[in-house]
Every structure is written in C-alpha cells, then in structure tokens.
Amino acid sequence: VFKNKNYLFKILQYISISTFYRLPHHVVTVSEGVKEDLISKGAKRSRIKTIYNPLPLLEEGEFKKIEKSTEITKWINSKDKKIISIG
C-alpha cells in the first residue's frame, strides 16, 4: 500500500513507527507479514506477538471453526490492562 508514497511520507512513517512502537510492552499483529513490516520500520521483535484470526476463510468462502488458542485465552483472562486497535 505504501510502496508508491513519496520519500517524505516514508520518512515520517518510519519515525512514527520506530518512536511509538517502542512505548508499549507488547504489540499484537494479525500476521507474520505485519510483524516483519513493523520490525523493518524499527519496532522491537521481542515485543511483538502474532495472534492469527481464529476463523480463517476457506476457498469456498465458508468459515472453518478451530479451537481457541491457549495464548489468546491466557491473554484475555489475565488481569493486565489491554489496549486493542482495529483498523
């Protein structure tokens, strides 16, 4: 998406990601691709956890049910504060 943006945009994007993604203790991504993109822009690998969508689409367009991830369950049940950003 951002490959065709101008040089100034890319510099500002890198600065904002490398600055603001150092602040949280943990960052959750939806895929390895998003994780690697954030790392390439300065986010710390050790603070990033990938949690995949629990209901992946099949080729036919139907949802396949899978077991809940124990990692997600532990995270939801923990008493830690959580900030979720979608979009």
PDB file of N, CA and C in Angstrom:
ATOM      1  N   VAL A   1       0.826  -1.194   0.000  1.00  0.00           N
ATOM      2  CA  VAL A   1       0.000   0.000   0.000  1.00  0.00           C
ATOM      3  C   VAL A   1       0.863   1.247   0.000  1.00  0.00           C
ATOM      4  N   PHE A   2       1.940   1.241   0.817  1.00  0.00           N
ATOM      5  CA  PHE A   2       2.751   2.440   0.964  1.00  0.00           C
ATOM      6  C   PHE A   2       3.970   2.467   0.047  1.00  0.00           C
ATOM      7  N   LYS A   3       4.110   1.495  -0.842  1.00  0.00           N
ATOM      8  CA  LYS A   3       5.293   1.436  -1.696  1.00  0.00           C
ATOM      9  C   LYS A   3       5.369   2.606  -2.671  1.00  0.00           C
ATOM     10  N   ASN A   4       4.234   3.140  -3.081  1.00  0.00           N
ATOM     11  CA  ASN A   4       4.225   4.217  -4.064  1.00  0.00           C
ATOM     12  C   ASN A   4       4.170   5.605  -3.432  1.00  0.00           C
ATOM     13  N   LYS A   5       4.270   5.707  -2.124  1.00  0.00           N
ATOM     14  CA  LYS A   5       4.224   7.002  -1.447  1.00  0.00           C
ATOM     15  C   LYS A   5       5.567   7.710  -1.622  1.00  0.00           C
ATOM     16  N   ASN A   6       5.527   9.040  -1.455  1.00  0.00           N
ATOM     17  CA  ASN A   6       6.749   9.809  -1.651  1.00  0.00           C
ATOM     18  C   ASN A   6       7.735   9.623  -0.496  1.00  0.00           C
ATOM     19  N   TYR A   7       8.924  10.113  -0.687  1.00  0.00           N
ATOM     20  CA  TYR A   7      10.025   9.932   0.252  1.00  0.00           C
ATOM     21  C   TYR A   7       9.706  10.522   1.626  1.00  0.00           C
ATOM     22  N   LEU A   8       9.115  11.713   1.668  1.00  0.00           N
ATOM     23  CA  LEU A   8       8.777  12.362   2.932  1.00  0.00           C
ATOM     24  C   LEU A   8       7.798  11.504   3.732  1.00  0.00           C
ATOM     25  N   PHE A   9       6.797  10.949   3.064  1.00  0.00           N
ATOM     26  CA  PHE A   9       5.822  10.086   3.734  1.00  0.00           C
ATOM     27  C   PHE A   9       6.524   8.884   4.358  1.00  0.00           C
ATOM     28  N   LYS A  10       7.435   8.258   3.611  1.00  0.00           N
ATOM     29  CA  LYS A  10       8.138   7.080   4.114  1.00  0.00           C
ATOM     30  C   LYS A  10       9.003   7.419   5.329  1.00  0.00           C
ATOM     31  N   ILE A  11       9.651   8.567   5.302  1.00  0.00           N
ATOM     32  CA  ILE A  11      10.472   9.004   6.435  1.00  0.00           C
ATOM     33  C   ILE A  11       9.597   9.239   7.664  1.00  0.00           C
ATOM     34  N   LEU A  12       8.479   9.948   7.491  1.00  0.00           N
ATOM     35  CA  LEU A  12       7.579  10.219   8.614  1.00  0.00           C
ATOM     36  C   LEU A  12       6.967   8.929   9.159  1.00  0.00           C
ATOM     37  N   GLN A  13       6.647   8.004   8.278  1.00  0.00           N
ATOM     38  CA  GLN A  13       6.094   6.717   8.708  1.00  0.00           C
ATOM     39  C   GLN A  13       7.131   5.955   9.536  1.00  0.00           C
ATOM     40  N   TYR A  14       8.358   5.913   9.069  1.00  0.00           N
ATOM     41  CA  TYR A  14       9.425   5.209   9.789  1.00  0.00           C
ATOM     42  C   TYR A  14       9.642   5.828  11.170  1.00  0.00           C
ATOM     43  N   ILE A  15       9.696   7.147  11.232  1.00  0.00           N
ATOM     44  CA  ILE A  15       9.914   7.834  12.510  1.00  0.00           C
ATOM     45  C   ILE A  15       8.774   7.550  13.480  1.00  0.00           C
ATOM     46  N   SER A  16       7.535   7.629  12.993  1.00  0.00           N
ATOM     47  CA  SER A  16       6.396   7.409  13.894  1.00  0.00           C
ATOM     48  C   SER A  16       6.352   5.969  14.393  1.00  0.00           C
ATOM     49  N   ILE A  17       6.583   5.001  13.518  1.00  0.00           N
ATOM     50  CA  ILE A  17       6.557   3.597  13.944  1.00  0.00           C
ATOM     51  C   ILE A  17       7.712   3.302  14.895  1.00  0.00           C
ATOM     52  N   SER A  18       8.915   3.742  14.544  1.00  0.00           N
ATOM     53  CA  SER A  18      10.062   3.437  15.406  1.00  0.00           C
ATOM     54  C   SER A  18       9.960   4.158  16.751  1.00  0.00           C
ATOM     55  N   THR A  19       9.245   5.278  16.808  1.00  0.00           N
ATOM     56  CA  THR A  19       9.058   6.003  18.064  1.00  0.00           C
ATOM     57  C   THR A  19       7.932   5.404  18.892  1.00  0.00           C
ATOM     58  N   PHE A  20       6.746   5.298  18.315  1.00  0.00           N
ATOM     59  CA  PHE A  20       5.569   4.900  19.085  1.00  0.00           C
ATOM     60  C   PHE A  20       5.499   3.404  19.366  1.00  0.00           C
ATOM     61  N   TYR A  21       6.108   2.575  18.554  1.00  0.00           N
ATOM     62  CA  TYR A  21       6.075   1.142  18.814  1.00  0.00           C
ATOM     63  C   TYR A  21       7.131   0.711  19.822  1.00  0.00           C
ATOM     64  N   ARG A  22       7.919   1.642  20.333  1.00  0.00           N
ATOM     65  CA  ARG A  22       8.840   1.357  21.438  1.00  0.00           C
ATOM     66  C   ARG A  22       8.145   1.521  22.788  1.00  0.00           C
ATOM     67  N   LEU A  23       7.034   2.245  22.815  1.00  0.00           N
ATOM     68  CA  LEU A  23       6.361   2.567  24.069  1.00  0.00           C
ATOM     69  C   LEU A  23       5.605   1.399  24.706  1.00  0.00           C
ATOM     70  N   PRO A  24       4.804   0.632  23.956  1.00  0.00           N
ATOM     71  CA  PRO A  24       4.040  -0.437  24.616  1.00  0.00           C
ATOM     72  C   PRO A  24       4.925  -1.619  25.005  1.00  0.00           C
ATOM     73  N   HIS A  25       4.477  -2.356  26.017  1.00  0.00           N
ATOM     74  CA  HIS A  25       5.191  -3.567  26.434  1.00  0.00           C
ATOM     75  C   HIS A  25       4.997  -4.683  25.419  1.00  0.00           C
ATOM     76  N   HIS A  26       3.816  -4.725  24.789  1.00  0.00           N
ATOM     77  CA  HIS A  26       3.503  -5.771  23.818  1.00  0.00           C
ATOM     78  C   HIS A  26       2.735  -5.167  22.650  1.00  0.00           C
ATOM     79  N   VAL A  27       2.980  -5.702  21.470  1.00  0.00           N
ATOM     80  CA  VAL A  27       2.240  -5.332  20.263  1.00  0.00           C
ATOM     81  C   VAL A  27       1.725  -6.630  19.656  1.00  0.00           C
ATOM     82  N   VAL A  28       0.448  -6.655  19.286  1.00  0.00           N
ATOM     83  CA  VAL A  28      -0.144  -7.845  18.681  1.00  0.00           C
ATOM     84  C   VAL A  28      -0.369  -7.573  17.204  1.00  0.00           C
ATOM     85  N   THR A  29       0.096  -8.499  16.354  1.00  0.00           N
ATOM     86  CA  THR A  29      -0.139  -8.384  14.919  1.00  0.00           C
ATOM     87  C   THR A  29      -1.012  -9.540  14.456  1.00  0.00           C
ATOM     88  N   VAL A  30      -1.605  -9.376  13.277  1.00  0.00           N
ATOM     89  CA  VAL A  30      -2.521 -10.396  12.747  1.00  0.00           C
ATOM     90  C   VAL A  30      -1.828 -11.372  11.806  1.00  0.00           C
ATOM     91  N   SER A  31      -0.570 -11.093  11.439  1.00  0.00           N
ATOM     92  CA  SER A  31       0.147 -11.987  10.533  1.00  0.00           C
ATOM     93  C   SER A  31       1.648 -11.763  10.673  1.00  0.00           C
ATOM     94  N   GLU A  32       2.417 -12.728  10.179  1.00  0.00           N
ATOM     95  CA  GLU A  32       3.875 -12.595  10.175  1.00  0.00           C
ATOM     96  C   GLU A  32       4.303 -11.443   9.269  1.00  0.00           C
ATOM     97  N   GLY A  33       3.550 -11.209   8.201  1.00  0.00           N
ATOM     98  CA  GLY A  33       3.865 -10.114   7.286  1.00  0.00           C
ATOM     99  C   GLY A  33       3.795  -8.764   7.969  1.00  0.00           C
ATOM    100  N   VAL A  34       2.742  -8.545   8.758  1.00  0.00           N
ATOM    101  CA  VAL A  34       2.595  -7.289   9.501  1.00  0.00           C
ATOM    102  C   VAL A  34       3.711  -7.178  10.539  1.00  0.00           C
ATOM    103  N   LYS A  35       4.007  -8.291  11.203  1.00  0.00           N
ATOM    104  CA  LYS A  35       5.081  -8.312  12.200  1.00  0.00           C
ATOM    105  C   LYS A  35       6.414  -7.915  11.570  1.00  0.00           C
ATOM    106  N   GLU A  36       6.765  -8.535  10.455  1.00  0.00           N
ATOM    107  CA  GLU A  36       8.035  -8.241   9.788  1.00  0.00           C
ATOM    108  C   GLU A  36       8.078  -6.801   9.271  1.00  0.00           C
ATOM    109  N   ASP A  37       6.937  -6.282   8.823  1.00  0.00           N
ATOM    110  CA  ASP A  37       6.873  -4.895   8.355  1.00  0.00           C
ATOM    111  C   ASP A  37       7.177  -3.933   9.505  1.00  0.00           C
ATOM    112  N   LEU A  38       6.582  -4.175  10.676  1.00  0.00           N
ATOM    113  CA  LEU A  38       6.844  -3.321  11.835  1.00  0.00           C
ATOM    114  C   LEU A  38       8.301  -3.417  12.272  1.00  0.00           C
ATOM    115  N   ILE A  39       8.856  -4.613  12.257  1.00  0.00           N
ATOM    116  CA  ILE A  39      10.258  -4.800  12.639  1.00  0.00           C
ATOM    117  C   ILE A  39      11.174  -4.052  11.676  1.00  0.00           C
ATOM    118  N   SER A  40      10.864  -4.116  10.386  1.00  0.00           N
ATOM    119  CA  SER A  40      11.699  -3.424   9.394  1.00  0.00           C
ATOM    120  C   SER A  40      11.642  -1.909   9.553  1.00  0.00           C
ATOM    121  N   LYS A  41      10.625  -1.425  10.256  1.00  0.00           N
ATOM    122  CA  LYS A  41      10.483   0.013  10.474  1.00  0.00           C
ATOM    123  C   LYS A  41      10.879   0.427  11.891  1.00  0.00           C
ATOM    124  N   GLY A  42      11.521  -0.480  12.637  1.00  0.00           N
ATOM    125  CA  GLY A  42      12.092  -0.097  13.919  1.00  0.00           C
ATOM    126  C   GLY A  42      11.430  -0.649  15.160  1.00  0.00           C
ATOM    127  N   ALA A  43      10.332  -1.384  15.049  1.00  0.00           N
ATOM    128  CA  ALA A  43       9.704  -1.981  16.231  1.00  0.00           C
ATOM    129  C   ALA A  43      10.568  -3.140  16.727  1.00  0.00           C
ATOM    130  N   LYS A  44      10.527  -3.406  18.025  1.00  0.00           N
ATOM    131  CA  LYS A  44      11.355  -4.472  18.601  1.00  0.00           C
ATOM    132  C   LYS A  44      10.679  -5.828  18.452  1.00  0.00           C
ATOM    133  N   ARG A  45      11.395  -6.773  17.859  1.00  0.00           N
ATOM    134  CA  ARG A  45      10.886  -8.132  17.624  1.00  0.00           C
ATOM    135  C   ARG A  45      10.415  -8.789  18.924  1.00  0.00           C
ATOM    136  N   SER A  46      11.142  -8.581  20.013  1.00  0.00           N
ATOM    137  CA  SER A  46      10.832  -9.253  21.280  1.00  0.00           C
ATOM    138  C   SER A  46       9.502  -8.806  21.886  1.00  0.00           C
ATOM    139  N   ARG A  47       8.975  -7.683  21.449  1.00  0.00           N
ATOM    140  CA  ARG A  47       7.713  -7.177  21.997  1.00  0.00           C
ATOM    141  C   ARG A  47       6.507  -7.497  21.116  1.00  0.00           C
ATOM    142  N   ILE A  48       6.730  -8.169  20.005  1.00  0.00           N
ATOM    143  CA  ILE A  48       5.640  -8.411  19.059  1.00  0.00           C
ATOM    144  C   ILE A  48       5.191  -9.860  19.126  1.00  0.00           C
ATOM    145  N   LYS A  49       3.894 -10.063  19.223  1.00  0.00           N
ATOM    146  CA  LYS A  49       3.286 -11.397  19.230  1.00  0.00           C
ATOM    147  C   LYS A  49       2.245 -11.436  18.114  1.00  0.00           C
ATOM    148  N   THR A  50       2.261 -12.499  17.327  1.00  0.00           N
ATOM    149  CA  THR A  50       1.275 -12.663  16.263  1.00  0.00           C
ATOM    150  C   THR A  50       0.163 -13.580  16.751  1.00  0.00           C
ATOM    151  N   ILE A  51      -1.071 -13.096  16.675  1.00  0.00           N
ATOM    152  CA  ILE A  51      -2.246 -13.902  17.003  1.00  0.00           C
ATOM    153  C   ILE A  51      -3.105 -13.927  15.748  1.00  0.00           C
ATOM    154  N   TYR A  52      -3.245 -15.099  15.184  1.00  0.00           N
ATOM    155  CA  TYR A  52      -3.966 -15.244  13.926  1.00  0.00           C
ATOM    156  C   TYR A  52      -5.471 -15.234  14.150  1.00  0.00           C
ATOM    157  N   ASN A  53      -6.207 -14.875  13.114  1.00  0.00           N
ATOM    158  CA  ASN A  53      -7.658 -14.888  13.153  1.00  0.00           C
ATOM    159  C   ASN A  53      -8.124 -16.313  13.456  1.00  0.00           C
ATOM    160  N   PRO A  54      -8.966 -16.507  14.481  1.00  0.00           N
ATOM    161  CA  PRO A  54      -9.389 -17.866  14.830  1.00  0.00           C
ATOM    162  C   PRO A  54     -10.396 -18.472  13.856  1.00  0.00           C
ATOM    163  N   LEU A  55     -10.915 -17.711  12.926  1.00  0.00           N
ATOM    164  CA  LEU A  55     -11.881 -18.223  11.952  1.00  0.00           C
ATOM    165  C   LEU A  55     -11.424 -17.913  10.531  1.00  0.00           C
ATOM    166  N   PRO A  56     -10.439 -18.652  10.015  1.00  0.00           N
ATOM    167  CA  PRO A  56      -9.953 -18.360   8.658  1.00  0.00           C
ATOM    168  C   PRO A  56     -10.992 -18.708   7.593  1.00  0.00           C
ATOM    169  N   LEU A  57     -11.000 -17.930   6.518  1.00  0.00           N
ATOM    170  CA  LEU A  57     -11.898 -18.212   5.399  1.00  0.00           C
ATOM    171  C   LEU A  57     -11.364 -19.382   4.590  1.00  0.00           C
ATOM    172  N   LEU A  58     -12.260 -20.244   4.175  1.00  0.00           N
ATOM    173  CA  LEU A  58     -11.887 -21.324   3.267  1.00  0.00           C
ATOM    174  C   LEU A  58     -12.027 -20.822   1.839  1.00  0.00           C
ATOM    175  N   GLU A  59     -11.516 -21.558   0.874  1.00  0.00           N
ATOM    176  CA  GLU A  59     -11.613 -21.142  -0.523  1.00  0.00           C
ATOM    177  C   GLU A  59     -13.056 -20.985  -0.973  1.00  0.00           C
ATOM    178  N   GLU A  60     -13.952 -21.820  -0.455  1.00  0.00           N
ATOM    179  CA  GLU A  60     -15.358 -21.757  -0.840  1.00  0.00           C
ATOM    180  C   GLU A  60     -16.064 -20.566  -0.204  1.00  0.00           C
ATOM    181  N   GLY A  61     -15.381 -19.843   0.672  1.00  0.00           N
ATOM    182  CA  GLY A  61     -15.976 -18.688   1.321  1.00  0.00           C
ATOM    183  C   GLY A  61     -16.676 -19.012   2.629  1.00  0.00           C
ATOM    184  N   GLU A  62     -16.549 -20.237   3.112  1.00  0.00           N
ATOM    185  CA  GLU A  62     -17.186 -20.607   4.369  1.00  0.00           C
ATOM    186  C   GLU A  62     -16.164 -20.545   5.495  1.00  0.00           C
ATOM    187  N   PHE A  63     -16.660 -20.344   6.695  1.00  0.00           N
ATOM    188  CA  PHE A  63     -15.764 -20.297   7.846  1.00  0.00           C
ATOM    189  C   PHE A  63     -15.511 -21.691   8.396  1.00  0.00           C
ATOM    190  N   LYS A  64     -14.292 -21.896   8.822  1.00  0.00           N
ATOM    191  CA  LYS A  64     -13.911 -23.170   9.423  1.00  0.00           C
ATOM    192  C   LYS A  64     -13.666 -22.915  10.914  1.00  0.00           C
ATOM    193  N   LYS A  65     -14.341 -23.668  11.747  1.00  0.00           N
ATOM    194  CA  LYS A  65     -14.158 -23.497  13.192  1.00  0.00           C
ATOM    195  C   LYS A  65     -12.871 -24.199  13.630  1.00  0.00           C
ATOM    196  N   ILE A  66     -12.117 -23.511  14.452  1.00  0.00           N
ATOM    197  CA  ILE A  66     -10.914 -24.114  15.027  1.00  0.00           C
ATOM    198  C   ILE A  66     -10.932 -23.878  16.530  1.00  0.00           C
ATOM    199  N   GLU A  67     -10.144 -24.649  17.243  1.00  0.00           N
ATOM    200  CA  GLU A  67     -10.100 -24.500  18.696  1.00  0.00           C
ATOM    201  C   GLU A  67      -9.543 -23.138  19.068  1.00  0.00           C
ATOM    202  N   LYS A  68     -10.006 -22.620  20.197  1.00  0.00           N
ATOM    203  CA  LYS A  68      -9.486 -21.347  20.694  1.00  0.00           C
ATOM    204  C   LYS A  68      -8.015 -21.518  21.060  1.00  0.00           C
ATOM    205  N   SER A  69      -7.250 -20.521  20.741  1.00  0.00           N
ATOM    206  CA  SER A  69      -5.828 -20.537  21.061  1.00  0.00           C
ATOM    207  C   SER A  69      -5.636 -20.382  22.570  1.00  0.00           C
ATOM    208  N   THR A  70      -4.768 -21.198  23.155  1.00  0.00           N
ATOM    209  CA  THR A  70      -4.495 -21.063  24.583  1.00  0.00           C
ATOM    210  C   THR A  70      -3.809 -19.740  24.872  1.00  0.00           C
ATOM    211  N   GLU A  71      -3.030 -19.247  23.926  1.00  0.00           N
ATOM    212  CA  GLU A  71      -2.361 -17.958  24.099  1.00  0.00           C
ATOM    213  C   GLU A  71      -3.394 -16.839  24.213  1.00  0.00           C
ATOM    214  N   ILE A  72      -4.409 -16.866  23.370  1.00  0.00           N
ATOM    215  CA  ILE A  72      -5.463 -15.850  23.409  1.00  0.00           C
ATOM    216  C   ILE A  72      -6.236 -15.961  24.719  1.00  0.00           C
ATOM    217  N   THR A  73      -6.576 -17.175  25.121  1.00  0.00           N
ATOM    218  CA  THR A  73      -7.335 -17.385  26.354  1.00  0.00           C
ATOM    219  C   THR A  73      -6.562 -16.868  27.566  1.00  0.00           C
ATOM    220  N   LYS A  74      -5.262 -17.161  27.634  1.00  0.00           N
ATOM    221  CA  LYS A  74      -4.443 -16.662  28.748  1.00  0.00           C
ATOM    222  C   LYS A  74      -4.415 -15.139  28.749  1.00  0.00           C
ATOM    223  N   TRP A  75      -4.288 -14.549  27.570  1.00  0.00           N
ATOM    224  CA  TRP A  75      -4.220 -13.099  27.457  1.00  0.00           C
ATOM    225  C   TRP A  75      -5.535 -12.463  27.891  1.00  0.00           C
ATOM    226  N   ILE A  76      -6.653 -13.007  27.434  1.00  0.00           N
ATOM    227  CA  ILE A  76      -7.967 -12.467  27.783  1.00  0.00           C
ATOM    228  C   ILE A  76      -8.217 -12.585  29.282  1.00  0.00           C
ATOM    229  N   ASN A  77      -7.842 -13.700  29.881  1.00  0.00           N
ATOM    230  CA  ASN A  77      -8.108 -13.939  31.301  1.00  0.00           C
ATOM    231  C   ASN A  77      -7.120 -13.256  32.239  1.00  0.00           C
ATOM    232  N   SER A  78      -6.034 -12.717  31.715  1.00  0.00           N
ATOM    233  CA  SER A  78      -5.059 -12.048  32.579  1.00  0.00           C
ATOM    234  C   SER A  78      -5.638 -10.733  33.098  1.00  0.00           C
ATOM    235  N   LYS A  79      -5.104 -10.270  34.204  1.00  0.00           N
ATOM    236  CA  LYS A  79      -5.587  -9.030  34.807  1.00  0.00           C
ATOM    237  C   LYS A  79      -4.843  -7.810  34.261  1.00  0.00           C
ATOM    238  N   ASP A  80      -3.940  -8.020  33.318  1.00  0.00           N
ATOM    239  CA  ASP A  80      -3.206  -6.908  32.722  1.00  0.00           C
ATOM    240  C   ASP A  80      -4.152  -5.995  31.959  1.00  0.00           C
ATOM    241  N   LYS A  81      -3.781  -4.726  31.878  1.00  0.00           N
ATOM    242  CA  LYS A  81      -4.558  -3.784  31.070  1.00  0.00           C
ATOM    243  C   LYS A  81      -4.342  -4.124  29.608  1.00  0.00           C
ATOM    244  N   LYS A  82      -5.377  -3.929  28.809  1.00  0.00           N
ATOM    245  CA  LYS A  82      -5.298  -4.260  27.387  1.00  0.00           C
ATOM    246  C   LYS A  82      -5.740  -3.061  26.553  1.00  0.00           C
ATOM    247  N   ILE A  83      -5.007  -2.793  25.510  1.00  0.00           N
ATOM    248  CA  ILE A  83      -5.396  -1.771  24.542  1.00  0.00           C
ATOM    249  C   ILE A  83      -5.474  -2.467  23.201  1.00  0.00           C
ATOM    250  N   ILE A  84      -6.618  -2.361  22.559  1.00  0.00           N
ATOM    251  CA  ILE A  84      -6.820  -3.024  21.276  1.00  0.00           C
ATOM    252  C   ILE A  84      -7.110  -1.963  20.228  1.00  0.00           C
ATOM    253  N   SER A  85      -6.428  -2.052  19.112  1.00  0.00           N
ATOM    254  CA  SER A  85      -6.653  -1.135  17.996  1.00  0.00           C
ATOM    255  C   SER A  85      -7.001  -1.954  16.770  1.00  0.00           C
ATOM    256  N   ILE A  86      -8.095  -1.610  16.134  1.00  0.00           N
ATOM    257  CA  ILE A  86      -8.534  -2.319  14.937  1.00  0.00           C
ATOM    258  C   ILE A  86      -8.699  -1.302  13.822  1.00  0.00           C
ATOM    259  N   GLY A  87      -8.188  -1.645  12.665  1.00  0.00           N
ATOM    260  CA  GLY A  87      -8.406  -0.741  11.543  1.00  0.00           C
ATOM    261  C   GLY A  87      -7.182  -0.504  10.736  1.00  0.00           C
TER     262      GLY A  87
END
